[in-house]
C-alpha atoms as a PDB file:
ATOM      1  CA  MET A   1     114.988 120.695  68.715  1.00  0.00           C
ATOM      2  CA  ARG A   2     117.683 121.470  71.255  1.00  0.00           C
ATOM      3  CA  ILE A   3     118.144 118.462  73.567  1.00  0.00           C
ATOM      4  CA  LEU A   4     120.239 118.028  76.709  1.00  0.00           C
ATOM      5  CA  LEU A   5     121.378 114.448  77.375  1.00  0.00           C
ATOM      6  CA  SER A   6     122.620 113.111  80.689  1.00  0.00           C
ATOM      7  CA  ASN A   7     122.697 109.811  82.575  1.00  0.00           C
ATOM      8  CA  ASP A   8     124.060 108.099  85.690  1.00  0.00           C
ATOM      9  CA  ASP A   9     126.135 105.370  83.994  1.00  0.00           C
ATOM     10  CA  GLY A  10     128.797 107.818  82.860  1.00  0.00           C
ATOM     11  CA  ILE A  11     129.459 109.547  79.567  1.00  0.00           C
ATOM     12  CA  ARG A  12     131.127 106.490  78.002  1.00  0.00           C
ATOM     13  CA  ALA A  13     128.131 104.229  78.646  1.00  0.00           C
ATOM     14  CA  GLU A  14     126.575 102.474  75.664  1.00  0.00           C
ATOM     15  CA  GLY A  15     123.087 103.753  76.441  1.00  0.00           C
ATOM     16  CA  ILE A  16     123.819 107.471  76.262  1.00  0.00           C
ATOM     17  CA  GLN A  17     126.143 106.998  73.289  1.00  0.00           C
ATOM     18  CA  ALA A  18     123.284 105.312  71.402  1.00  0.00           C
ATOM     19  CA  LEU A  19     121.123 108.376  72.036  1.00  0.00           C
ATOM     20  CA  VAL A  20     123.904 110.747  70.977  1.00  0.00           C
ATOM     21  CA  LYS A  21     124.438 108.860  67.730  1.00  0.00           C
ATOM     22  CA  LEU A  22     120.744 108.872  66.835  1.00  0.00           C
ATOM     23  CA  LEU A  23     119.707 112.336  67.986  1.00  0.00           C
ATOM     24  CA  SER A  24     122.699 114.177  66.530  1.00  0.00           C
ATOM     25  CA  GLN A  25     121.448 113.239  63.049  1.00  0.00           C
ATOM     26  CA  LYS A  26     118.319 115.348  63.462  1.00  0.00           C
ATOM     27  CA  HIS A  27     118.582 117.586  66.537  1.00  0.00           C
ATOM     28  CA  GLU A  28     120.938 120.039  68.224  1.00  0.00           C
ATOM     29  CA  VAL A  29     122.410 117.917  71.007  1.00  0.00           C
ATOM     30  CA  VAL A  30     124.309 118.853  74.149  1.00  0.00           C
ATOM     31  CA  VAL A  31     125.723 116.089  76.324  1.00  0.00           C
ATOM     32  CA  CYS A  32     126.495 116.780  79.962  1.00  0.00           C
ATOM     33  CA  ALA A  33     127.096 113.575  81.893  1.00  0.00           C
ATOM     34  CA  PRO A  34     129.174 112.242  84.796  1.00  0.00           C
ATOM     35  CA  MET A  35     132.792 111.280  84.270  1.00  0.00           C
ATOM     36  CA  GLN A  36     132.192 108.034  86.184  1.00  0.00           C
ATOM     37  CA  GLU A  37     129.219 105.864  87.021  1.00  0.00           C
ATOM     38  CA  GLN A  38     126.884 107.529  89.510  1.00  0.00           C
ATOM     39  CA  SER A  39     124.152 104.906  89.927  1.00  0.00           C
ATOM     40  CA  GLY A  40     121.961 105.204  93.016  1.00  0.00           C
ATOM     41  CA  MET A  41     122.697 108.898  93.503  1.00  0.00           C
ATOM     42  CA  ALA A  42     119.009 109.871  93.235  1.00  0.00           C
ATOM     43  CA  HIS A  43     118.715 113.688  93.248  1.00  0.00           C
ATOM     44  CA  ALA A  44     121.979 114.192  95.139  1.00  0.00           C
ATOM     45  CA  LEU A  45     123.781 117.504  94.672  1.00  0.00           C
ATOM     46  CA  ASN A  46     127.345 118.329  95.637  1.00  0.00           C
ATOM     47  CA  VAL A  47     127.644 121.447  97.788  1.00  0.00           C
ATOM     48  CA  ARG A  48     130.890 123.360  98.441  1.00  0.00           C
ATOM     49  CA  LYS A  49     132.892 120.810  96.471  1.00  0.00           C
ATOM     50  CA  ARG A  50     134.970 121.732  93.448  1.00  0.00           C
ATOM     51  CA  LEU A  51     133.598 119.854  90.440  1.00  0.00           C
ATOM     52  CA  GLU A  52     135.810 119.384  87.408  1.00  0.00           C
ATOM     53  CA  VAL A  53     134.179 120.253  84.084  1.00  0.00           C
ATOM     54  CA  ALA A  54     135.864 119.246  80.825  1.00  0.00           C
ATOM     55  CA  ARG A  55     134.990 118.876  77.156  1.00  0.00           C
ATOM     56  CA  ASP A  56     134.511 115.282  76.083  1.00  0.00           C
ATOM     57  CA  ARG A  57     136.579 115.393  72.949  1.00  0.00           C
ATOM     58  CA  GLU A  58     136.064 111.689  72.249  1.00  0.00           C
ATOM     59  CA  THR A  59     132.307 112.097  71.848  1.00  0.00           C
ATOM     60  CA  GLU A  60     132.700 115.364  69.930  1.00  0.00           C
ATOM     61  CA  ALA A  61     135.099 113.629  67.508  1.00  0.00           C
ATOM     62  CA  LEU A  62     132.443 111.033  66.701  1.00  0.00           C
ATOM     63  CA  TYR A  63     129.319 113.187  66.492  1.00  0.00           C
ATOM     64  CA  PRO A  64     128.384 116.829  65.762  1.00  0.00           C
ATOM     65  CA  VAL A  65     127.505 117.633  69.374  1.00  0.00           C
ATOM     66  CA  GLU A  66     128.645 119.756  72.293  1.00  0.00           C
ATOM     67  CA  ALA A  67     129.792 117.317  74.986  1.00  0.00           C
ATOM     68  CA  TRP A  68     130.811 117.893  78.600  1.00  0.00           C
ATOM     69  CA  LYS A  69     131.892 115.491  81.331  1.00  0.00           C
ATOM     70  CA  ILE A  70     131.563 116.515  84.971  1.00  0.00           C
ATOM     71  CA  ASP A  71     133.059 114.984  88.094  1.00  0.00           C
ATOM     72  CA  GLY A  72     129.734 114.992  89.919  1.00  0.00           C
ATOM     73  CA  THR A  73     126.287 113.470  90.196  1.00  0.00           C
ATOM     74  CA  PRO A  74     123.690 113.313  87.420  1.00  0.00           C
ATOM     75  CA  THR A  75     121.850 116.206  89.080  1.00  0.00           C
ATOM     76  CA  ASP A  76     125.099 118.188  89.228  1.00  0.00           C
ATOM     77  CA  CYS A  77     125.499 117.704  85.474  1.00  0.00           C
ATOM     78  CA  VAL A  78     122.036 118.945  84.522  1.00  0.00           C
ATOM     79  CA  LYS A  79     121.969 121.761  87.082  1.00  0.00           C
ATOM     80  CA  ILE A  80     125.425 123.083  86.226  1.00  0.00           C
ATOM     81  CA  TYR A  81     124.703 123.088  82.521  1.00  0.00           C
ATOM     82  CA  LEU A  82     121.305 124.769  82.809  1.00  0.00           C
ATOM     83  CA  GLU A  83     122.325 127.381  85.367  1.00  0.00           C
ATOM     84  CA  ALA A  84     125.971 128.088  84.560  1.00  0.00           C
ATOM     85  CA  MET A  85     126.781 126.950  81.031  1.00  0.00           C
ATOM     86  CA  ALA A  86     123.735 127.206  78.772  1.00  0.00           C
ATOM     87  CA  GLU A  87     124.155 130.979  78.339  1.00  0.00           C
ATOM     88  CA  GLY A  88     120.564 131.567  77.307  1.00  0.00           C
ATOM     89  CA  ARG A  89     120.382 128.475  75.077  1.00  0.00           C
ATOM     90  CA  LYS A  90     117.813 126.642  77.150  1.00  0.00           C
ATOM     91  CA  PRO A  91     117.120 123.132  75.860  1.00  0.00           C
ATOM     92  CA  GLU A  92     113.616 122.222  74.798  1.00  0.00           C
ATOM     93  CA  LEU A  93     113.963 118.696  76.159  1.00  0.00           C
ATOM     94  CA  VAL A  94     116.056 116.826  78.741  1.00  0.00           C
ATOM     95  CA  ILE A  95     116.618 113.083  78.365  1.00  0.00           C
ATOM     96  CA  SER A  96     118.391 110.978  80.973  1.00  0.00           C
ATOM     97  CA  GLY A  97     119.578 107.509  79.970  1.00  0.00           C
ATOM     98  CA  ILE A  98     119.415 105.073  78.390  1.00  0.00           C
ATOM     99  CA  ASN A  99     120.046 103.471  81.775  1.00  0.00           C
ATOM    100  CA  HIS A 100     121.703 100.061  81.964  1.00  0.00           C
ATOM    101  CA  GLY A 101     119.003  98.447  84.113  1.00  0.00           C
ATOM    102  CA  ALA A 102     115.368  99.076  84.945  1.00  0.00           C
ATOM    103  CA  ASN A 103     114.179 101.937  87.145  1.00  0.00           C
ATOM    104  CA  LEU A 104     110.831 100.626  88.299  1.00  0.00           C
ATOM    105  CA  ALA A 105     108.560 101.127  91.289  1.00  0.00           C
ATOM    106  CA  THR A 106     110.121 102.681  94.388  1.00  0.00           C
ATOM    107  CA  ASP A 107     113.574 102.388  92.812  1.00  0.00           C
ATOM    108  CA  VAL A 108     112.849 105.753  91.181  1.00  0.00           C
ATOM    109  CA  LEU A 109     113.569 107.321  94.580  1.00  0.00           C
ATOM    110  CA  TYR A 110     117.168 106.082  94.407  1.00  0.00           C
ATOM    111  CA  SER A 111     117.787 106.402  90.689  1.00  0.00           C
ATOM    112  CA  GLY A 112     120.358 108.875  89.407  1.00  0.00           C
ATOM    113  CA  THR A 113     118.764 108.521  85.978  1.00  0.00           C
ATOM    114  CA  VAL A 114     115.447 109.750  87.335  1.00  0.00           C
ATOM    115  CA  GLY A 115     117.237 112.393  89.433  1.00  0.00           C
ATOM    116  CA  ALA A 116     118.789 113.972  86.343  1.00  0.00           C
ATOM    117  CA  ALA A 117     115.422 114.090  84.581  1.00  0.00           C
ATOM    118  CA  MET A 118     113.808 115.598  87.670  1.00  0.00           C
ATOM    119  CA  GLU A 119     116.334 118.439  87.602  1.00  0.00           C
ATOM    120  CA  GLY A 120     115.318 119.264  84.067  1.00  0.00           C
ATOM    121  CA  TYR A 121     111.660 119.214  85.090  1.00  0.00           C
ATOM    122  CA  LEU A 122     112.389 121.570  87.996  1.00  0.00           C
ATOM    123  CA  HIS A 123     113.665 124.006  85.375  1.00  0.00           C
ATOM    124  CA  ASP A 124     110.312 123.790  83.556  1.00  0.00           C
ATOM    125  CA  ILE A 125     111.671 121.655  80.729  1.00  0.00           C
ATOM    126  CA  PRO A 126     109.966 118.488  79.470  1.00  0.00           C
ATOM    127  CA  SER A 127     112.137 115.698  80.869  1.00  0.00           C
ATOM    128  CA  VAL A 128     112.260 111.946  80.390  1.00  0.00           C
ATOM    129  CA  ALA A 129     114.186 109.173  82.144  1.00  0.00           C
ATOM    130  CA  VAL A 130     114.679 106.169  79.859  1.00  0.00           C
ATOM    131  CA  SER A 131     115.813 102.781  81.163  1.00  0.00           C
ATOM    132  CA  ARG A 132     116.270  99.301  79.717  1.00  0.00           C
ATOM    133  CA  ASP A 133     116.100  96.040  81.649  1.00  0.00           C
ATOM    134  CA  TYR A 134     119.655  94.920  82.361  1.00  0.00           C
ATOM    135  CA  TRP A 135     119.056  91.563  80.669  1.00  0.00           C
ATOM    136  CA  SER A 136     117.082  93.009  77.764  1.00  0.00           C
ATOM    137  CA  LYS A 137     117.557  91.573  74.297  1.00  0.00           C
ATOM    138  CA  ILE A 138     116.542  94.877  72.724  1.00  0.00           C
ATOM    139  CA  PRO A 139     119.668  96.696  71.409  1.00  0.00           C
ATOM    140  CA  PHE A 140     120.310 100.167  72.776  1.00  0.00           C
ATOM    141  CA  SER A 141     120.115 101.552  69.247  1.00  0.00           C
ATOM    142  CA  GLN A 142     116.594 100.160  68.878  1.00  0.00           C
ATOM    143  CA  VAL A 143     115.567 101.447  72.315  1.00  0.00           C
ATOM    144  CA  ALA A 144     116.805 104.897  71.323  1.00  0.00           C
ATOM    145  CA  GLY A 145     114.814 104.913  68.086  1.00  0.00           C
ATOM    146  CA  ILE A 146     111.575 103.664  69.643  1.00  0.00           C
ATOM    147  CA  ALA A 147     111.849 105.984  72.634  1.00  0.00           C
ATOM    148  CA  MET A 148     112.575 109.081  70.574  1.00  0.00           C
ATOM    149  CA  GLU A 149     109.670 108.566  68.201  1.00  0.00           C
ATOM    150  CA  TYR A 150     107.380 108.483  71.223  1.00  0.00           C
ATOM    151  CA  ILE A 151     109.080 111.387  73.054  1.00  0.00           C
ATOM    152  CA  GLU A 152     109.036 113.660  70.004  1.00  0.00           C
ATOM    153  CA  GLY A 153     105.295 113.133  69.743  1.00  0.00           C
ATOM    154  CA  MET A 154     104.874 113.984  73.415  1.00  0.00           C
ATOM    155  CA  VAL A 155     106.854 117.220  73.071  1.00  0.00           C
ATOM    156  CA  GLU A 156     104.847 118.337  70.035  1.00  0.00           C
ATOM    157  CA  GLY A 157     101.538 117.963  71.839  1.00  0.00           C
ATOM    158  CA  ALA A 158     102.620 119.155  75.280  1.00  0.00           C
ATOM    159  CA  GLU A 159     100.834 122.136  76.816  1.00  0.00           C
ATOM    160  CA  ARG A 160     103.126 122.194  79.856  1.00  0.00           C
ATOM    161  CA  PRO A 161     106.396 120.571  80.988  1.00  0.00           C
ATOM    162  CA  PHE A 162     106.168 116.875  81.846  1.00  0.00           C
ATOM    163  CA  PHE A 163     108.326 114.379  83.752  1.00  0.00           C
ATOM    164  CA  LEU A 164     108.185 110.779  82.530  1.00  0.00           C
ATOM    165  CA  ASN A 165     109.816 107.546  83.627  1.00  0.00           C
ATOM    166  CA  VAL A 166     110.066 105.118  80.684  1.00  0.00           C
ATOM    167  CA  ASN A 167     111.142 101.482  81.067  1.00  0.00           C
ATOM    168  CA  PHE A 168     111.824  98.963  78.317  1.00  0.00           C
ATOM    169  CA  PRO A 169     111.279  95.240  79.014  1.00  0.00           C
ATOM    170  CA  LYS A 170     113.510  92.233  78.392  1.00  0.00           C
ATOM    171  CA  GLU A 171     111.638  91.524  75.161  1.00  0.00           C
ATOM    172  CA  LEU A 172     108.889  93.345  73.287  1.00  0.00           C
ATOM    173  CA  SER A 173     105.574  91.536  73.394  1.00  0.00           C
ATOM    174  CA  GLY A 174     104.917  90.173  69.908  1.00  0.00           C
ATOM    175  CA  GLY A 175     108.114  91.865  68.752  1.00  0.00           C
ATOM    176  CA  GLU A 176     106.331  95.214  68.461  1.00  0.00           C
ATOM    177  CA  PRO A 177     106.664  98.251  70.754  1.00  0.00           C
ATOM    178  CA  ARG A 178     103.592  99.109  72.796  1.00  0.00           C
ATOM    179  CA  PHE A 179     103.649 101.976  75.282  1.00  0.00           C
ATOM    180  CA  VAL A 180     101.350 101.655  78.293  1.00  0.00           C
ATOM    181  CA  TYR A 181     100.759 104.165  81.062  1.00  0.00           C
ATOM    182  CA  SER A 182     101.321 102.785  84.530  1.00  0.00           C
ATOM    183  CA  GLN A 183     101.706 103.720  88.160  1.00  0.00           C
ATOM    184  CA  LEU A 184     104.720 102.972  90.321  1.00  0.00           C
ATOM    185  CA  GLY A 185     104.729  99.580  91.979  1.00  0.00           C
ATOM    186  CA  LYS A 186     106.586  98.764  95.180  1.00  0.00           C
ATOM    187  CA  ARG A 187     109.753  96.728  95.450  1.00  0.00           C
ATOM    188  CA  ASP A 188     112.401  95.922  98.012  1.00  0.00           C
ATOM    189  CA  TYR A 189     115.563  93.848  98.246  1.00  0.00           C
ATOM    190  CA  ILE A 190     116.334  90.904 100.508  1.00  0.00           C
ATOM    191  CA  ASN A 191     119.833  90.195 101.803  1.00  0.00           C
ATOM    192  CA  ALA A 192     120.613  93.707 100.655  1.00  0.00           C
ATOM    193  CA  PHE A 193     123.791  94.144 102.715  1.00  0.00           C
ATOM    194  CA  SER A 194     126.900  91.994 102.733  1.00  0.00           C
ATOM    195  CA  LYS A 195     129.062  92.508 105.842  1.00  0.00           C
ATOM    196  CA  GLU A 196     132.829  92.021 105.816  1.00  0.00           C
ATOM    197  CA  THR A 197     135.624  92.604 108.315  1.00  0.00           C
ATOM    198  CA  ASP A 198     139.192  93.091 107.112  1.00  0.00           C
ATOM    199  CA  ALA A 199     142.417  92.015 108.800  1.00  0.00           C
ATOM    200  CA  ASP A 200     142.614  95.310 110.725  1.00  0.00           C
ATOM    201  CA  GLY A 201     139.175  94.753 112.216  1.00  0.00           C
ATOM    202  CA  ARG A 202     137.445  97.389 110.114  1.00  0.00           C
ATOM    203  CA  THR A 203     133.861  96.620 109.153  1.00  0.00           C
ATOM    204  CA  TYR A 204     132.466  97.104 105.661  1.00  0.00           C
ATOM    205  CA  PHE A 205     129.026  96.725 104.112  1.00  0.00           C
ATOM    206  CA  THR A 206     128.369  96.155 100.422  1.00  0.00           C
ATOM    207  CA  VAL A 207     124.918  96.858  99.018  1.00  0.00           C
ATOM    208  CA  ALA A 208     123.510  93.971  96.990  1.00  0.00           C
ATOM    209  CA  GLY A 209     120.464  91.723  97.098  1.00  0.00           C
ATOM    210  CA  ASP A 210     117.607  90.022  95.333  1.00  0.00           C
ATOM    211  CA  ILE A 211     114.561  91.931  94.139  1.00  0.00           C
ATOM    212  CA  VAL A 212     111.261  91.349  95.901  1.00  0.00           C
ATOM    213  CA  ASP A 213     108.248  92.973  94.278  1.00  0.00           C
ATOM    214  CA  LEU A 214     105.732  93.808  96.985  1.00  0.00           C
ATOM    215  CA  GLU A 215     103.129  95.514  94.793  1.00  0.00           C
ATOM    216  CA  LYS A 216     102.888  94.675  91.102  1.00  0.00           C
ATOM    217  CA  GLY A 217      99.222  94.769  90.248  1.00  0.00           C
ATOM    218  CA  GLU A 218      97.908  95.200  86.719  1.00  0.00           C
ATOM    219  CA  ALA A 219      98.185  98.998  86.892  1.00  0.00           C
ATOM    220  CA  THR A 220     101.893  99.018  87.848  1.00  0.00           C
ATOM    221  CA  ASP A 221     105.059  99.557  85.854  1.00  0.00           C
ATOM    222  CA  ILE A 222     106.426  96.204  87.078  1.00  0.00           C
ATOM    223  CA  TYR A 223     103.449  94.350  85.617  1.00  0.00           C
ATOM    224  CA  ALA A 224     103.704  96.231  82.321  1.00  0.00           C
ATOM    225  CA  VAL A 225     107.337  95.331  81.629  1.00  0.00           C
ATOM    226  CA  GLU A 226     106.798  91.736  82.727  1.00  0.00           C
ATOM    227  CA  LEU A 227     104.250  91.487  79.906  1.00  0.00           C
ATOM    228  CA  GLY A 228     106.752  92.900  77.420  1.00  0.00           C
ATOM    229  CA  PHE A 229     105.269  96.387  77.218  1.00  0.00           C
ATOM    230  CA  ILE A 230     107.111  99.713  77.464  1.00  0.00           C
ATOM    231  CA  SER A 231     106.039 101.321  80.715  1.00  0.00           C
ATOM    232  CA  VAL A 232     105.455 105.072  80.910  1.00  0.00           C
ATOM    233  CA  THR A 233     104.894 106.563  84.360  1.00  0.00           C
ATOM    234  CA  PRO A 234     104.151 110.295  84.677  1.00  0.00           C
ATOM    235  CA  LEU A 235     105.981 111.666  87.716  1.00  0.00           C
ATOM    236  CA  HIS A 236     106.070 114.952  89.603  1.00  0.00           C
ATOM    237  CA  ALA A 237     108.335 116.470  92.236  1.00  0.00           C
ATOM    238  CA  ASP A 238     105.617 117.420  94.746  1.00  0.00           C
ATOM    239  CA  LEU A 239     105.905 115.039  97.723  1.00  0.00           C
ATOM    240  CA  THR A 240     103.030 116.602  99.633  1.00  0.00           C
ATOM    241  CA  ASP A 241     100.646 114.082 101.213  1.00  0.00           C
ATOM    242  CA  TYR A 242      97.461 115.859 100.150  1.00  0.00           C
ATOM    243  CA  LEU A 243      95.119 113.440 101.921  1.00  0.00           C
ATOM    244  CA  MET A 244      96.758 114.104 105.282  1.00  0.00           C
ATOM    245  CA  LEU A 245      97.046 117.815 104.538  1.00  0.00           C
ATOM    246  CA  GLU A 246      93.351 118.043 103.735  1.00  0.00           C
ATOM    247  CA  ALA A 247      92.426 116.108 106.892  1.00  0.00           C
ATOM    248  CA  LYS A 248      94.589 118.319 109.084  1.00  0.00           C
ATOM    249  CA  LEU A 249      93.198 121.511 107.538  1.00  0.00           C
ATOM    250  CA  LYS A 250      89.690 120.285 108.263  1.00  0.00           C
ATOM    251  CA  GLU A 251      90.653 119.650 111.889  1.00  0.00           C
ATOM    252  CA  GLU A 252      91.797 123.262 112.177  1.00  0.00           C
ATOM    253  CA  GLN A 253      88.500 124.666 110.940  1.00  0.00           C
END
């Protein structure tokens, strides 16, 4: 299978390198990832900006893959490869990750990991964002192996492209992997901005904060990973509010 790998932690990150090492043993792998960390970039795309594209010789020296590093966002990486570099060699699967930190609940709206996978999905390619809790005791190599066994099964049985958000917990319940389907929860951050003023009187804000989970019922991804399960949330790119749309259409009749 021809697989395109990307991420938002940068091409040197341990998570994506674990995937490259594993997948290159069995599949045709292309890596196209940011030169630097691009966390929190969501589905951002650079417009009218020159983006440097270069071969990543370090990765290519280690593994039998085609590797590119791009001075842009995760979405830039996937979009540029698919539309300008693939030359008719469309991948059969796009994987983004393994992210260094969870992408749960409403955080998916900010996640560059999810943004890269969404770009693959918009090109009608099965696409998966894979993340691991920042404090997880599960090695990236093990996450890669467990995730790929599941993803390969999904691709084989797929009748249409899919878009999945997969999150690994801090520890596996009972030491064994169990995938559970879940919906997005809702989370926010308190004390999210730190304000500073330098000697010249210029004001700066730094984004930080503590997680507050506002909705984490039994059906949510937050609840699943707290129990030590691997959460799988099917996503789509259609943001239409169908309930409101239906109500408004009825009013017009």
